[in-house]
N, C-alpha and C. Protein backbone atom coordinates (compact mmCIF):
# COMPACT_ATOMS: atom_id res chain seq x y z
N VAL A 1 -30.35 -26.04 -51.72
CA VAL A 1 -30.10 -26.87 -52.88
C VAL A 1 -31.21 -27.89 -52.99
N GLN A 2 -31.78 -27.99 -54.18
CA GLN A 2 -32.76 -29.05 -54.44
C GLN A 2 -32.08 -30.18 -55.19
N LEU A 3 -32.37 -31.40 -54.76
CA LEU A 3 -31.73 -32.57 -55.35
C LEU A 3 -32.79 -33.49 -55.91
N GLN A 4 -32.52 -34.06 -57.06
CA GLN A 4 -33.45 -34.97 -57.72
C GLN A 4 -32.71 -36.25 -58.08
N ALA A 5 -33.10 -37.33 -57.42
CA ALA A 5 -32.47 -38.63 -57.68
C ALA A 5 -33.30 -39.44 -58.67
N SER A 6 -32.62 -40.27 -59.43
CA SER A 6 -33.30 -41.15 -60.39
C SER A 6 -32.42 -42.35 -60.69
N GLY A 7 -33.03 -43.35 -61.35
CA GLY A 7 -32.25 -44.48 -61.83
C GLY A 7 -32.45 -45.78 -61.11
N GLY A 8 -33.28 -45.80 -60.06
CA GLY A 8 -33.50 -47.05 -59.36
C GLY A 8 -34.33 -48.01 -60.17
N GLY A 9 -34.50 -49.21 -59.64
CA GLY A 9 -35.30 -50.19 -60.33
C GLY A 9 -35.08 -51.57 -59.79
N LEU A 10 -35.57 -52.55 -60.53
CA LEU A 10 -35.44 -53.96 -60.17
C LEU A 10 -34.34 -54.57 -61.03
N VAL A 11 -33.43 -55.26 -60.39
CA VAL A 11 -32.32 -55.87 -61.12
C VAL A 11 -32.01 -57.22 -60.49
N GLN A 12 -31.53 -58.15 -61.30
CA GLN A 12 -31.18 -59.47 -60.79
C GLN A 12 -29.83 -59.42 -60.08
N PRO A 13 -29.60 -60.33 -59.16
CA PRO A 13 -28.28 -60.40 -58.52
C PRO A 13 -27.17 -60.51 -59.57
N GLY A 14 -26.11 -59.76 -59.33
CA GLY A 14 -25.01 -59.71 -60.29
C GLY A 14 -25.15 -58.62 -61.33
N GLY A 15 -26.31 -58.01 -61.38
CA GLY A 15 -26.55 -56.98 -62.38
C GLY A 15 -26.03 -55.61 -61.95
N SER A 16 -26.30 -54.61 -62.78
CA SER A 16 -25.81 -53.26 -62.56
C SER A 16 -26.94 -52.24 -62.70
N LEU A 17 -26.76 -51.14 -62.01
CA LEU A 17 -27.64 -49.99 -62.13
C LEU A 17 -26.79 -48.74 -61.96
N ARG A 18 -27.25 -47.64 -62.54
CA ARG A 18 -26.59 -46.36 -62.30
C ARG A 18 -27.62 -45.36 -61.79
N LEU A 19 -27.36 -44.82 -60.64
CA LEU A 19 -28.22 -43.80 -60.06
C LEU A 19 -27.66 -42.42 -60.42
N SER A 20 -28.56 -41.47 -60.59
CA SER A 20 -28.17 -40.10 -60.89
C SER A 20 -28.78 -39.15 -59.88
N CYS A 21 -28.07 -38.09 -59.58
CA CYS A 21 -28.61 -37.04 -58.72
C CYS A 21 -28.31 -35.70 -59.38
N ALA A 22 -29.36 -34.91 -59.60
CA ALA A 22 -29.22 -33.60 -60.22
C ALA A 22 -29.40 -32.54 -59.15
N ALA A 23 -28.49 -31.59 -59.11
CA ALA A 23 -28.53 -30.50 -58.13
C ALA A 23 -29.00 -29.21 -58.79
N SER A 24 -29.64 -28.35 -58.00
CA SER A 24 -30.20 -27.12 -58.54
C SER A 24 -29.18 -25.99 -58.59
N ARG A 25 -27.96 -26.25 -58.07
CA ARG A 25 -26.92 -25.25 -58.19
C ARG A 25 -25.58 -25.92 -58.39
N SER A 26 -24.57 -25.13 -58.62
CA SER A 26 -23.26 -25.68 -58.92
C SER A 26 -22.73 -26.58 -57.82
N ILE A 27 -22.35 -27.80 -58.20
CA ILE A 27 -21.83 -28.72 -57.19
C ILE A 27 -20.42 -28.34 -56.78
N SER A 28 -19.78 -27.47 -57.54
CA SER A 28 -18.46 -26.98 -57.15
C SER A 28 -18.51 -26.15 -55.88
N GLU A 29 -19.69 -25.66 -55.53
CA GLU A 29 -19.87 -24.86 -54.32
C GLU A 29 -20.11 -25.72 -53.09
N LEU A 30 -20.26 -27.00 -53.28
CA LEU A 30 -20.59 -27.90 -52.17
C LEU A 30 -19.33 -28.42 -51.52
N GLU A 31 -19.42 -28.72 -50.25
CA GLU A 31 -18.31 -29.32 -49.53
C GLU A 31 -18.25 -30.82 -49.76
N ALA A 32 -19.42 -31.42 -49.93
CA ALA A 32 -19.47 -32.86 -50.13
C ALA A 32 -20.82 -33.24 -50.72
N PHE A 33 -20.85 -34.36 -51.39
CA PHE A 33 -22.11 -34.91 -51.88
C PHE A 33 -21.95 -36.41 -52.07
N GLY A 34 -23.09 -37.12 -52.00
CA GLY A 34 -22.98 -38.56 -52.07
C GLY A 34 -24.31 -39.26 -52.02
N TRP A 35 -24.24 -40.51 -51.54
CA TRP A 35 -25.41 -41.40 -51.51
C TRP A 35 -25.52 -42.09 -50.17
N TYR A 36 -26.73 -42.25 -49.74
CA TYR A 36 -27.10 -42.89 -48.48
C TYR A 36 -28.15 -43.92 -48.83
N ARG A 37 -28.27 -44.98 -48.04
CA ARG A 37 -29.34 -45.94 -48.29
C ARG A 37 -30.00 -46.36 -46.99
N GLN A 38 -31.27 -46.66 -47.13
CA GLN A 38 -32.08 -47.08 -45.99
C GLN A 38 -32.93 -48.27 -46.40
N ASP A 39 -32.97 -49.27 -45.53
CA ASP A 39 -33.83 -50.41 -45.75
C ASP A 39 -34.45 -50.78 -44.41
N PRO A 40 -35.75 -51.02 -44.36
CA PRO A 40 -36.38 -51.40 -43.08
C PRO A 40 -35.70 -52.60 -42.46
N GLY A 41 -35.42 -52.53 -41.21
CA GLY A 41 -34.80 -53.64 -40.51
C GLY A 41 -33.29 -53.62 -40.55
N LYS A 42 -32.73 -52.69 -41.30
CA LYS A 42 -31.27 -52.55 -41.38
C LYS A 42 -30.86 -51.15 -40.95
N GLN A 43 -29.62 -51.06 -40.54
CA GLN A 43 -29.09 -49.75 -40.18
C GLN A 43 -28.88 -48.91 -41.44
N ALA A 44 -29.29 -47.65 -41.39
CA ALA A 44 -29.05 -46.75 -42.51
C ALA A 44 -27.54 -46.61 -42.72
N GLU A 45 -27.16 -46.40 -43.96
CA GLU A 45 -25.73 -46.46 -44.28
C GLU A 45 -25.34 -45.40 -45.29
N SER A 46 -24.25 -44.72 -45.02
CA SER A 46 -23.66 -43.83 -46.02
C SER A 46 -22.89 -44.70 -46.99
N VAL A 47 -23.27 -44.70 -48.24
CA VAL A 47 -22.74 -45.63 -49.23
C VAL A 47 -21.47 -45.09 -49.88
N ALA A 48 -21.54 -43.86 -50.34
CA ALA A 48 -20.41 -43.27 -51.05
C ALA A 48 -20.50 -41.76 -50.95
N ILE A 49 -19.33 -41.13 -50.89
CA ILE A 49 -19.30 -39.68 -50.75
C ILE A 49 -18.09 -39.11 -51.48
N ILE A 50 -18.27 -37.96 -52.07
CA ILE A 50 -17.16 -37.19 -52.63
C ILE A 50 -17.03 -35.93 -51.79
N THR A 51 -15.84 -35.69 -51.28
CA THR A 51 -15.56 -34.43 -50.61
C THR A 51 -14.72 -33.56 -51.53
N THR A 52 -14.94 -32.26 -51.49
CA THR A 52 -14.33 -31.38 -52.47
C THR A 52 -13.15 -30.59 -51.94
N HIS A 53 -12.95 -30.55 -50.65
CA HIS A 53 -11.84 -29.79 -50.10
C HIS A 53 -10.53 -30.55 -50.20
N GLY A 54 -9.46 -29.83 -50.20
CA GLY A 54 -8.14 -30.46 -50.19
C GLY A 54 -7.89 -31.34 -51.40
N GLY A 55 -8.39 -30.95 -52.53
CA GLY A 55 -8.19 -31.74 -53.74
C GLY A 55 -9.25 -32.79 -53.99
N GLY A 56 -10.06 -33.02 -52.99
CA GLY A 56 -11.17 -33.93 -53.16
C GLY A 56 -10.82 -35.37 -52.89
N SER A 57 -11.79 -36.13 -52.44
CA SER A 57 -11.57 -37.55 -52.20
C SER A 57 -12.90 -38.28 -52.29
N GLU A 58 -12.81 -39.56 -52.47
CA GLU A 58 -13.98 -40.44 -52.51
C GLU A 58 -13.87 -41.44 -51.38
N MET A 59 -14.99 -41.73 -50.76
CA MET A 59 -15.00 -42.72 -49.70
C MET A 59 -16.21 -43.62 -49.88
N TYR A 60 -16.04 -44.87 -49.55
CA TYR A 60 -17.09 -45.86 -49.73
C TYR A 60 -17.31 -46.65 -48.45
N ALA A 61 -18.55 -47.08 -48.30
CA ALA A 61 -18.82 -48.05 -47.24
C ALA A 61 -18.10 -49.35 -47.56
N GLU A 62 -17.66 -50.01 -46.52
CA GLU A 62 -16.93 -51.27 -46.73
C GLU A 62 -17.79 -52.28 -47.49
N SER A 63 -19.08 -52.23 -47.30
CA SER A 63 -19.99 -53.20 -47.91
C SER A 63 -20.09 -53.05 -49.43
N VAL A 64 -19.68 -51.88 -49.97
CA VAL A 64 -19.81 -51.65 -51.41
C VAL A 64 -18.46 -51.42 -52.09
N GLU A 65 -17.40 -51.36 -51.30
CA GLU A 65 -16.07 -51.10 -51.84
C GLU A 65 -15.73 -52.09 -52.95
N GLY A 66 -15.28 -51.55 -54.09
CA GLY A 66 -14.92 -52.39 -55.21
C GLY A 66 -16.07 -52.73 -56.14
N ARG A 67 -17.28 -52.46 -55.72
CA ARG A 67 -18.47 -52.74 -56.56
C ARG A 67 -19.17 -51.46 -57.01
N PHE A 68 -19.16 -50.46 -56.17
CA PHE A 68 -19.84 -49.20 -56.47
C PHE A 68 -18.80 -48.12 -56.76
N THR A 69 -19.16 -47.20 -57.67
CA THR A 69 -18.28 -46.09 -57.98
C THR A 69 -19.10 -44.81 -58.03
N ILE A 70 -18.66 -43.81 -57.30
CA ILE A 70 -19.31 -42.51 -57.34
C ILE A 70 -18.51 -41.61 -58.29
N SER A 71 -19.23 -40.83 -59.07
CA SER A 71 -18.58 -39.92 -60.01
C SER A 71 -19.40 -38.64 -60.10
N ARG A 72 -18.78 -37.63 -60.74
CA ARG A 72 -19.41 -36.32 -60.79
C ARG A 72 -19.35 -35.74 -62.20
N ASP A 73 -20.29 -34.87 -62.50
CA ASP A 73 -20.34 -34.13 -63.75
C ASP A 73 -20.54 -32.67 -63.38
N ASN A 74 -19.44 -31.95 -63.25
CA ASN A 74 -19.52 -30.55 -62.82
C ASN A 74 -20.32 -29.70 -63.80
N ALA A 75 -20.18 -29.96 -65.08
CA ALA A 75 -20.83 -29.13 -66.09
C ALA A 75 -22.35 -29.17 -65.97
N ASN A 76 -22.87 -30.35 -65.57
CA ASN A 76 -24.31 -30.52 -65.48
C ASN A 76 -24.82 -30.59 -64.05
N ASN A 77 -23.92 -30.32 -63.10
CA ASN A 77 -24.30 -30.31 -61.67
C ASN A 77 -24.96 -31.63 -61.26
N MET A 78 -24.31 -32.71 -61.61
CA MET A 78 -24.86 -34.03 -61.30
C MET A 78 -23.79 -34.92 -60.71
N TRP A 79 -24.20 -35.90 -59.98
CA TRP A 79 -23.31 -37.00 -59.59
C TRP A 79 -24.05 -38.30 -59.73
N TYR A 80 -23.24 -39.36 -59.79
CA TYR A 80 -23.78 -40.67 -60.13
C TYR A 80 -23.27 -41.72 -59.16
N LEU A 81 -23.98 -42.82 -59.12
CA LEU A 81 -23.52 -44.00 -58.39
C LEU A 81 -23.66 -45.19 -59.33
N GLN A 82 -22.54 -45.66 -59.83
CA GLN A 82 -22.53 -46.86 -60.65
C GLN A 82 -22.44 -48.06 -59.72
N MET A 83 -23.43 -48.92 -59.79
CA MET A 83 -23.50 -50.07 -58.89
C MET A 83 -23.39 -51.34 -59.72
N ASN A 84 -22.33 -52.08 -59.50
CA ASN A 84 -22.08 -53.33 -60.21
C ASN A 84 -22.12 -54.50 -59.24
N SER A 85 -22.24 -55.68 -59.78
CA SER A 85 -22.26 -56.90 -58.96
C SER A 85 -23.24 -56.77 -57.80
N LEU A 86 -24.43 -56.35 -58.13
CA LEU A 86 -25.42 -56.09 -57.09
C LEU A 86 -25.84 -57.37 -56.39
N LYS A 87 -26.10 -57.22 -55.10
CA LYS A 87 -26.51 -58.33 -54.25
C LYS A 87 -27.88 -58.02 -53.65
N PRO A 88 -28.59 -59.06 -53.23
CA PRO A 88 -29.88 -58.80 -52.56
C PRO A 88 -29.75 -57.87 -51.36
N ASP A 89 -28.62 -57.92 -50.68
CA ASP A 89 -28.40 -57.04 -49.53
C ASP A 89 -28.29 -55.57 -49.92
N ASP A 90 -28.12 -55.29 -51.20
CA ASP A 90 -28.08 -53.90 -51.65
C ASP A 90 -29.47 -53.30 -51.81
N THR A 91 -30.49 -54.12 -51.67
CA THR A 91 -31.86 -53.63 -51.77
C THR A 91 -32.11 -52.57 -50.70
N ALA A 92 -32.57 -51.41 -51.14
CA ALA A 92 -32.79 -50.29 -50.22
C ALA A 92 -33.36 -49.11 -51.00
N VAL A 93 -33.80 -48.12 -50.27
CA VAL A 93 -34.07 -46.81 -50.86
C VAL A 93 -32.77 -46.02 -50.81
N TYR A 94 -32.34 -45.53 -51.94
CA TYR A 94 -31.10 -44.77 -52.05
C TYR A 94 -31.44 -43.29 -52.15
N LEU A 95 -30.79 -42.50 -51.32
CA LEU A 95 -31.02 -41.07 -51.29
C LEU A 95 -29.73 -40.33 -51.59
N CYS A 96 -29.80 -39.33 -52.43
CA CYS A 96 -28.64 -38.49 -52.62
C CYS A 96 -28.68 -37.33 -51.63
N TYR A 97 -27.50 -36.89 -51.24
CA TYR A 97 -27.41 -35.79 -50.30
C TYR A 97 -26.22 -34.91 -50.64
N ALA A 98 -26.27 -33.70 -50.10
CA ALA A 98 -25.19 -32.75 -50.33
C ALA A 98 -25.05 -31.86 -49.11
N ARG A 99 -23.85 -31.37 -48.95
CA ARG A 99 -23.56 -30.51 -47.80
C ARG A 99 -22.79 -29.28 -48.27
N ASP A 100 -23.27 -28.10 -47.85
CA ASP A 100 -22.44 -26.92 -48.06
C ASP A 100 -21.95 -26.45 -46.70
N GLU A 101 -21.47 -25.25 -46.62
CA GLU A 101 -20.88 -24.75 -45.38
C GLU A 101 -21.89 -24.68 -44.23
N PHE A 102 -23.17 -24.54 -44.59
CA PHE A 102 -24.15 -24.27 -43.55
C PHE A 102 -25.21 -25.34 -43.36
N GLU A 103 -25.42 -26.17 -44.35
CA GLU A 103 -26.62 -26.99 -44.32
C GLU A 103 -26.41 -28.33 -45.02
N LEU A 104 -27.24 -29.29 -44.63
CA LEU A 104 -27.27 -30.60 -45.27
C LEU A 104 -28.57 -30.70 -46.06
N PHE A 105 -28.48 -31.16 -47.29
CA PHE A 105 -29.63 -31.24 -48.17
C PHE A 105 -29.86 -32.69 -48.58
N TRP A 106 -31.14 -33.03 -48.75
CA TRP A 106 -31.50 -34.39 -49.13
C TRP A 106 -32.38 -34.38 -50.36
N GLY A 107 -32.16 -35.35 -51.23
CA GLY A 107 -33.08 -35.59 -52.33
C GLY A 107 -34.09 -36.63 -51.92
N GLN A 108 -35.08 -36.86 -52.79
CA GLN A 108 -36.03 -37.92 -52.50
C GLN A 108 -35.34 -39.25 -52.80
N GLY A 109 -35.87 -40.32 -52.29
CA GLY A 109 -35.24 -41.61 -52.49
C GLY A 109 -35.63 -42.26 -53.81
N THR A 110 -34.78 -43.16 -54.25
CA THR A 110 -35.10 -44.00 -55.40
C THR A 110 -34.88 -45.45 -54.98
N GLN A 111 -35.87 -46.28 -55.26
CA GLN A 111 -35.84 -47.67 -54.78
C GLN A 111 -34.96 -48.52 -55.68
N VAL A 112 -34.08 -49.27 -55.04
CA VAL A 112 -33.28 -50.28 -55.73
C VAL A 112 -33.64 -51.63 -55.13
N THR A 113 -34.09 -52.54 -55.97
CA THR A 113 -34.45 -53.88 -55.53
C THR A 113 -33.63 -54.90 -56.32
N VAL A 114 -32.89 -55.72 -55.58
CA VAL A 114 -32.06 -56.75 -56.20
C VAL A 114 -32.67 -58.09 -55.86
N SER A 115 -33.23 -58.73 -56.87
CA SER A 115 -33.96 -59.97 -56.63
C SER A 115 -34.04 -60.76 -57.92
N SER A 116 -34.04 -62.07 -57.76
CA SER A 116 -34.21 -62.95 -58.93
C SER A 116 -35.68 -63.32 -59.11
């Protein structure tokens, strides 16, 4: 699966951004997909994930719970990360990822910078 992330940028604290990830095949075939972030000097973090088995579920890192929302568009094989109430600590490279039965796939990162 090839993944293409987009939507990062510079935003002021308290602002919003929406990240998008486009997959090269049907996301209905995936076991899970989501977003990860990395920032130098900080521990890498799984931000949000959708799992598709057992009716599906969404899980969030405690640091973003209530501010970020992950969603999916099955028709267009995409998923999104709506990020609200952004904080400087959210500054990082955000990567989309997906997992099928056999393999883990990564997209390229998109930079999110939260600064005044």
